C-alpha cells in the first residue's frame, strides 16, 4: 500500500488533500477492483486512527466502508 497520511494535529487543507491524491495516483489509472482494494486498506488505517482518538462513530463508518470495499473486491474476483 502507498504511504498513508499521518495526523499532524490540524486538519489538512483542500490543497494538501488534492496534492496527496495526485502523488498517489499520478500517471496511473486504477481499475475499479484496484480502487476498491486501495479503499479497503486505507479505510482500515483511518479506522484505527479514529478508534485511538475515541471517535467511535467515525471508526464504525470507516469499517463499513472497508467491508463494502472488500465485498466489491471479492465479488469482482468471482467474475473472472
C-alpha atoms as a PDB file:
ATOM      1  CA  UNK A   1       0.000   0.000   0.000  1.00  0.00           C
ATOM      2  CA  UNK A   2       1.139   3.553  -0.509  1.00  0.00           C
ATOM      3  CA  UNK A   3       2.313   5.742   2.333  1.00  0.00           C
ATOM      4  CA  UNK A   4      -0.657   6.919   4.376  1.00  0.00           C
ATOM      5  CA  UNK A   5      -1.118  10.468   5.568  1.00  0.00           C
ATOM      6  CA  UNK A   6      -0.382  10.758   9.264  1.00  0.00           C
ATOM      7  CA  UNK A   7      -2.246  13.079  11.608  1.00  0.00           C
ATOM      8  CA  UNK A   8      -0.379  16.311  12.232  1.00  0.00           C
ATOM      9  CA  UNK A   9      -2.693  17.844  14.796  1.00  0.00           C
ATOM     10  CA  UNK A  10      -4.503  20.028  12.266  1.00  0.00           C
ATOM     11  CA  UNK A  11      -6.991  19.289   9.536  1.00  0.00           C
ATOM     12  CA  UNK A  12      -5.499  19.096   6.036  1.00  0.00           C
ATOM     13  CA  UNK A  13      -6.398  21.845   3.613  1.00  0.00           C
ATOM     14  CA  UNK A  14      -8.036  21.128   0.268  1.00  0.00           C
ATOM     15  CA  UNK A  15      -4.645  21.708  -1.364  1.00  0.00           C
ATOM     16  CA  UNK A  16      -2.989  19.149   0.966  1.00  0.00           C
ATOM     17  CA  UNK A  17      -5.594  16.518   0.152  1.00  0.00           C
ATOM     18  CA  UNK A  18      -5.556  17.072  -3.606  1.00  0.00           C
ATOM     19  CA  UNK A  19      -1.758  17.121  -3.616  1.00  0.00           C
ATOM     20  CA  UNK A  20      -1.626  13.801  -1.780  1.00  0.00           C
ATOM     21  CA  UNK A  21      -4.177  12.352  -4.179  1.00  0.00           C
ATOM     22  CA  UNK A  22      -2.124  13.490  -7.166  1.00  0.00           C
ATOM     23  CA  UNK A  23       1.068  11.948  -5.789  1.00  0.00           C
ATOM     24  CA  UNK A  24      -0.645   8.634  -5.068  1.00  0.00           C
ATOM     25  CA  UNK A  25      -2.223   8.270  -8.498  1.00  0.00           C
ATOM     26  CA  UNK A  26      -0.089  10.401 -10.811  1.00  0.00           C
ATOM     27  CA  UNK A  27       0.384   8.760 -14.163  1.00  0.00           C
ATOM     28  CA  UNK A  28      -1.663   5.691 -13.288  1.00  0.00           C
ATOM     29  CA  UNK A  29      -5.265   4.788 -13.758  1.00  0.00           C
ATOM     30  CA  UNK A  30      -6.611   2.225 -11.374  1.00  0.00           C
ATOM     31  CA  UNK A  31      -9.400  -0.094 -12.371  1.00  0.00           C
ATOM     32  CA  UNK A  32     -12.438  -0.446 -10.070  1.00  0.00           C
ATOM     33  CA  UNK A  33     -11.080  -3.531  -8.285  1.00  0.00           C
ATOM     34  CA  UNK A  34      -7.736  -1.863  -7.600  1.00  0.00           C
ATOM     35  CA  UNK A  35      -9.559   1.200  -6.321  1.00  0.00           C
ATOM     36  CA  UNK A  36     -11.746  -0.917  -4.035  1.00  0.00           C
ATOM     37  CA  UNK A  37      -8.650  -2.695  -2.692  1.00  0.00           C
ATOM     38  CA  UNK A  38      -6.982   0.655  -2.009  1.00  0.00           C
ATOM     39  CA  UNK A  39     -10.099   1.955  -0.236  1.00  0.00           C
ATOM     40  CA  UNK A  40     -10.245  -1.214   1.888  1.00  0.00           C
ATOM     41  CA  UNK A  41      -6.641  -0.828   3.007  1.00  0.00           C
ATOM     42  CA  UNK A  42      -6.736   2.920   3.577  1.00  0.00           C
ATOM     43  CA  UNK A  43     -10.069   2.899   5.422  1.00  0.00           C
ATOM     44  CA  UNK A  44      -8.674   0.240   7.793  1.00  0.00           C
ATOM     45  CA  UNK A  45      -5.816   2.582   8.690  1.00  0.00           C
ATOM     46  CA  UNK A  46      -8.149   5.538   9.115  1.00  0.00           C
ATOM     47  CA  UNK A  47     -10.477   3.483  11.298  1.00  0.00           C
ATOM     48  CA  UNK A  48      -7.537   2.546  13.515  1.00  0.00           C
ATOM     49  CA  UNK A  49      -6.634   6.222  13.996  1.00  0.00           C
ATOM     50  CA  UNK A  50     -10.272   7.134  14.654  1.00  0.00           C
ATOM     51  CA  UNK A  51     -10.563   4.438  17.342  1.00  0.00           C
ATOM     52  CA  UNK A  52      -7.338   5.603  19.020  1.00  0.00           C
ATOM     53  CA  UNK A  53      -8.864   9.100  19.179  1.00  0.00           C
ATOM     54  CA  UNK A  54     -12.122   7.720  20.645  1.00  0.00           C
ATOM     55  CA  UNK A  55     -14.053   8.685  17.502  1.00  0.00           C
ATOM     56  CA  UNK A  56     -16.157   5.546  17.637  1.00  0.00           C
ATOM     57  CA  UNK A  57     -18.871   6.523  15.166  1.00  0.00           C
ATOM     58  CA  UNK A  58     -16.314   7.638  12.601  1.00  0.00           C
ATOM     59  CA  UNK A  59     -14.355   4.405  13.130  1.00  0.00           C
ATOM     60  CA  UNK A  60     -17.550   2.402  12.647  1.00  0.00           C
ATOM     61  CA  UNK A  61     -18.394   4.205   9.400  1.00  0.00           C
ATOM     62  CA  UNK A  62     -14.866   3.679   8.106  1.00  0.00           C
ATOM     63  CA  UNK A  63     -15.170  -0.022   8.974  1.00  0.00           C
ATOM     64  CA  UNK A  64     -18.420  -0.185   6.988  1.00  0.00           C
ATOM     65  CA  UNK A  65     -16.655   1.425   4.010  1.00  0.00           C
ATOM     66  CA  UNK A  66     -13.840  -1.130   4.379  1.00  0.00           C
ATOM     67  CA  UNK A  67     -16.284  -4.042   4.445  1.00  0.00           C
ATOM     68  CA  UNK A  68     -18.101  -2.739   1.364  1.00  0.00           C
ATOM     69  CA  UNK A  69     -14.806  -2.331  -0.468  1.00  0.00           C
ATOM     70  CA  UNK A  70     -13.799  -5.890   0.472  1.00  0.00           C
ATOM     71  CA  UNK A  71     -17.179  -7.171  -0.730  1.00  0.00           C
ATOM     72  CA  UNK A  72     -16.621  -5.380  -4.026  1.00  0.00           C
ATOM     73  CA  UNK A  73     -13.173  -6.907  -4.437  1.00  0.00           C
ATOM     74  CA  UNK A  74     -14.443 -10.385  -3.605  1.00  0.00           C
ATOM     75  CA  UNK A  75     -17.403 -10.158  -5.972  1.00  0.00           C
ATOM     76  CA  UNK A  76     -15.103  -8.820  -8.696  1.00  0.00           C
ATOM     77  CA  UNK A  77     -12.729 -11.745  -8.196  1.00  0.00           C
ATOM     78  CA  UNK A  78     -15.624 -14.180  -8.730  1.00  0.00           C
ATOM     79  CA  UNK A  79     -16.434 -12.579 -12.099  1.00  0.00           C
ATOM     80  CA  UNK A  80     -13.067 -13.703 -13.544  1.00  0.00           C
END
